[in-house]
Amino acid sequence: MPKLLAFAAAAAVVFGLMFLAGRALVPESAVNDWNRQVREAEQDHSGSDGDTPERGTGVQSHGTSMEGGMQ
């Protein structure tokens, strides 16, 4: 049990340091640009009415239920 606690503590320290390093190394302007690009990409995707399946998927939407199958 002590080994598990030591591992968990070490993992928490490593992840915490990586989080702080990421915030220090990646400029805020880069984060804002990435977020803007994601919002623009989301707006570019046209929504489907659910009557026709999207190409390349094996799931069709019928109201609130989902029916799967290979196509």
N, C-alpha and C. Protein backbone atom coordinates (compact mmCIF):
# COMPACT_ATOMS: atom_id res chain seq x y z
N MET A 1 0.81 -1.20 0.00
CA MET A 1 0.00 0.00 0.00
C MET A 1 0.86 1.28 0.00
N PRO A 2 1.96 1.32 0.77
CA PRO A 2 2.79 2.52 0.74
C PRO A 2 3.38 2.78 -0.64
N LYS A 3 3.69 1.71 -1.38
CA LYS A 3 4.24 1.90 -2.72
C LYS A 3 3.20 2.54 -3.64
N LEU A 4 1.96 2.13 -3.49
CA LEU A 4 0.89 2.70 -4.30
C LEU A 4 0.69 4.18 -3.97
N LEU A 5 0.74 4.53 -2.72
CA LEU A 5 0.60 5.93 -2.32
C LEU A 5 1.78 6.75 -2.83
N ALA A 6 2.98 6.19 -2.77
CA ALA A 6 4.15 6.90 -3.29
C ALA A 6 4.03 7.10 -4.79
N PHE A 7 3.56 6.08 -5.49
CA PHE A 7 3.38 6.21 -6.94
C PHE A 7 2.34 7.27 -7.26
N ALA A 8 1.22 7.26 -6.55
CA ALA A 8 0.16 8.24 -6.79
C ALA A 8 0.67 9.67 -6.50
N ALA A 9 1.44 9.81 -5.44
CA ALA A 9 1.98 11.14 -5.11
C ALA A 9 2.97 11.59 -6.18
N ALA A 10 3.83 10.67 -6.64
CA ALA A 10 4.80 11.03 -7.68
C ALA A 10 4.08 11.38 -8.98
N ALA A 11 3.06 10.62 -9.33
CA ALA A 11 2.31 10.90 -10.56
C ALA A 11 1.62 12.27 -10.46
N ALA A 12 1.07 12.59 -9.31
CA ALA A 12 0.42 13.89 -9.13
C ALA A 12 1.43 15.02 -9.27
N VAL A 13 2.61 14.83 -8.72
CA VAL A 13 3.65 15.86 -8.82
C VAL A 13 4.07 16.03 -10.28
N VAL A 14 4.29 14.92 -10.98
CA VAL A 14 4.71 15.00 -12.39
C VAL A 14 3.65 15.69 -13.23
N PHE A 15 2.39 15.29 -13.09
CA PHE A 15 1.32 15.92 -13.87
C PHE A 15 1.16 17.39 -13.51
N GLY A 16 1.31 17.72 -12.25
CA GLY A 16 1.23 19.13 -11.84
C GLY A 16 2.35 19.96 -12.45
N LEU A 17 3.56 19.41 -12.45
CA LEU A 17 4.68 20.13 -13.06
C LEU A 17 4.49 20.28 -14.56
N MET A 18 3.98 19.26 -15.23
CA MET A 18 3.75 19.35 -16.68
C MET A 18 2.66 20.38 -16.99
N PHE A 19 1.64 20.45 -16.14
CA PHE A 19 0.60 21.45 -16.32
C PHE A 19 1.17 22.86 -16.21
N LEU A 20 2.00 23.07 -15.19
CA LEU A 20 2.61 24.39 -15.00
C LEU A 20 3.57 24.72 -16.14
N ALA A 21 4.34 23.73 -16.59
CA ALA A 21 5.26 23.95 -17.70
C ALA A 21 4.49 24.29 -18.97
N GLY A 22 3.39 23.61 -19.20
CA GLY A 22 2.57 23.89 -20.39
C GLY A 22 2.02 25.30 -20.37
N ARG A 23 1.57 25.73 -19.22
CA ARG A 23 1.05 27.11 -19.12
C ARG A 23 2.14 28.13 -19.33
N ALA A 24 3.36 27.80 -18.91
CA ALA A 24 4.46 28.74 -19.04
C ALA A 24 5.01 28.76 -20.46
N LEU A 25 4.98 27.62 -21.16
CA LEU A 25 5.61 27.51 -22.47
C LEU A 25 4.70 27.86 -23.63
N VAL A 26 3.38 27.68 -23.45
CA VAL A 26 2.44 27.96 -24.54
C VAL A 26 1.84 29.34 -24.30
N PRO A 27 2.09 30.27 -25.21
CA PRO A 27 1.57 31.63 -25.01
C PRO A 27 0.04 31.68 -25.08
N GLU A 28 -0.50 32.63 -24.35
CA GLU A 28 -1.97 32.80 -24.32
C GLU A 28 -2.53 33.08 -25.70
N SER A 29 -1.79 33.79 -26.54
CA SER A 29 -2.27 34.08 -27.89
C SER A 29 -2.42 32.81 -28.72
N ALA A 30 -1.54 31.83 -28.50
CA ALA A 30 -1.66 30.56 -29.22
C ALA A 30 -2.92 29.82 -28.78
N VAL A 31 -3.20 29.84 -27.50
CA VAL A 31 -4.41 29.19 -26.98
C VAL A 31 -5.65 29.85 -27.57
N ASN A 32 -5.66 31.18 -27.61
CA ASN A 32 -6.80 31.90 -28.18
C ASN A 32 -6.98 31.58 -29.66
N ASP A 33 -5.86 31.47 -30.41
CA ASP A 33 -5.94 31.11 -31.83
C ASP A 33 -6.51 29.71 -32.01
N TRP A 34 -6.05 28.76 -31.18
CA TRP A 34 -6.56 27.39 -31.27
C TRP A 34 -8.06 27.36 -30.99
N ASN A 35 -8.49 28.07 -29.96
CA ASN A 35 -9.92 28.10 -29.62
C ASN A 35 -10.74 28.72 -30.75
N ARG A 36 -10.21 29.79 -31.35
CA ARG A 36 -10.92 30.43 -32.47
C ARG A 36 -11.03 29.46 -33.64
N GLN A 37 -9.96 28.75 -33.95
CA GLN A 37 -9.98 27.80 -35.06
C GLN A 37 -10.99 26.68 -34.81
N VAL A 38 -11.08 26.23 -33.57
CA VAL A 38 -12.04 25.17 -33.24
C VAL A 38 -13.46 25.68 -33.42
N ARG A 39 -13.73 26.89 -32.94
CA ARG A 39 -15.09 27.45 -33.10
C ARG A 39 -15.44 27.61 -34.58
N GLU A 40 -14.49 28.05 -35.39
CA GLU A 40 -14.75 28.21 -36.82
C GLU A 40 -14.98 26.86 -37.48
N ALA A 41 -14.21 25.86 -37.09
CA ALA A 41 -14.37 24.52 -37.67
C ALA A 41 -15.73 23.93 -37.29
N GLU A 42 -16.19 24.19 -36.07
CA GLU A 42 -17.50 23.70 -35.65
C GLU A 42 -18.61 24.35 -36.45
N GLN A 43 -18.44 25.61 -36.81
CA GLN A 43 -19.46 26.31 -37.58
C GLN A 43 -19.46 25.84 -39.03
N ASP A 44 -18.31 25.35 -39.53
CA ASP A 44 -18.23 24.89 -40.91
C ASP A 44 -18.95 23.57 -41.13
N HIS A 45 -19.12 22.78 -40.09
CA HIS A 45 -19.78 21.49 -40.24
C HIS A 45 -21.29 21.71 -40.35
N SER A 46 -21.85 21.22 -41.42
CA SER A 46 -23.30 21.37 -41.58
C SER A 46 -24.01 20.27 -40.82
N GLY A 47 -25.08 20.62 -40.18
CA GLY A 47 -25.85 19.64 -39.42
C GLY A 47 -26.69 18.76 -40.33
N SER A 48 -26.94 17.56 -39.89
CA SER A 48 -27.77 16.62 -40.64
C SER A 48 -29.16 16.60 -40.01
N ASP A 49 -30.17 16.35 -40.83
CA ASP A 49 -31.53 16.31 -40.30
C ASP A 49 -31.84 14.99 -39.63
N GLY A 50 -30.95 14.00 -39.71
CA GLY A 50 -31.17 12.72 -39.06
C GLY A 50 -31.89 11.71 -39.92
N ASP A 51 -32.45 12.13 -41.07
CA ASP A 51 -33.17 11.19 -41.94
C ASP A 51 -32.21 10.38 -42.79
N THR A 52 -31.11 10.95 -43.16
CA THR A 52 -30.13 10.25 -43.98
C THR A 52 -28.88 10.00 -43.16
N PRO A 53 -28.32 8.80 -43.26
CA PRO A 53 -27.12 8.53 -42.47
C PRO A 53 -25.92 9.29 -43.03
N GLU A 54 -25.04 9.66 -42.16
CA GLU A 54 -23.81 10.30 -42.59
C GLU A 54 -22.95 9.26 -43.29
N ARG A 55 -22.27 9.65 -44.31
CA ARG A 55 -21.45 8.73 -45.06
C ARG A 55 -20.28 8.25 -44.20
N GLY A 56 -20.07 6.94 -44.20
CA GLY A 56 -18.96 6.37 -43.46
C GLY A 56 -19.30 5.96 -42.04
N THR A 57 -20.55 6.08 -41.65
CA THR A 57 -20.93 5.66 -40.31
C THR A 57 -21.85 4.46 -40.39
N GLY A 58 -21.90 3.69 -39.33
CA GLY A 58 -22.77 2.54 -39.27
C GLY A 58 -23.93 2.77 -38.33
N VAL A 59 -24.21 4.01 -37.96
CA VAL A 59 -25.28 4.31 -37.02
C VAL A 59 -26.24 5.29 -37.67
N GLN A 60 -27.52 4.98 -37.58
CA GLN A 60 -28.54 5.89 -38.09
C GLN A 60 -29.38 6.36 -36.93
N SER A 61 -29.76 7.61 -36.98
CA SER A 61 -30.56 8.19 -35.92
C SER A 61 -32.03 8.12 -36.32
N HIS A 62 -32.87 7.59 -35.43
CA HIS A 62 -34.32 7.54 -35.65
C HIS A 62 -34.97 8.15 -34.41
N GLY A 63 -35.21 9.42 -34.46
CA GLY A 63 -35.79 10.11 -33.31
C GLY A 63 -34.80 10.16 -32.18
N THR A 64 -35.20 9.57 -31.02
CA THR A 64 -34.31 9.56 -29.86
C THR A 64 -33.57 8.25 -29.71
N SER A 65 -33.83 7.27 -30.60
CA SER A 65 -33.13 5.99 -30.47
C SER A 65 -32.06 5.89 -31.54
N MET A 66 -31.05 5.13 -31.24
CA MET A 66 -29.97 4.91 -32.19
C MET A 66 -29.95 3.43 -32.57
N GLU A 67 -29.92 3.16 -33.86
CA GLU A 67 -29.83 1.78 -34.32
C GLU A 67 -28.52 1.62 -35.05
N GLY A 68 -27.74 0.65 -34.63
CA GLY A 68 -26.44 0.45 -35.24
C GLY A 68 -26.47 -0.69 -36.24
N GLY A 69 -25.49 -0.74 -37.08
CA GLY A 69 -25.36 -1.81 -38.04
C GLY A 69 -24.26 -1.50 -39.01
N MET A 70 -23.73 -2.52 -39.61
CA MET A 70 -22.67 -2.34 -40.59
C MET A 70 -23.27 -1.92 -41.91
N GLN A 71 -22.64 -0.99 -42.56
CA GLN A 71 -23.11 -0.54 -43.88
C GLN A 71 -22.02 -0.77 -44.89
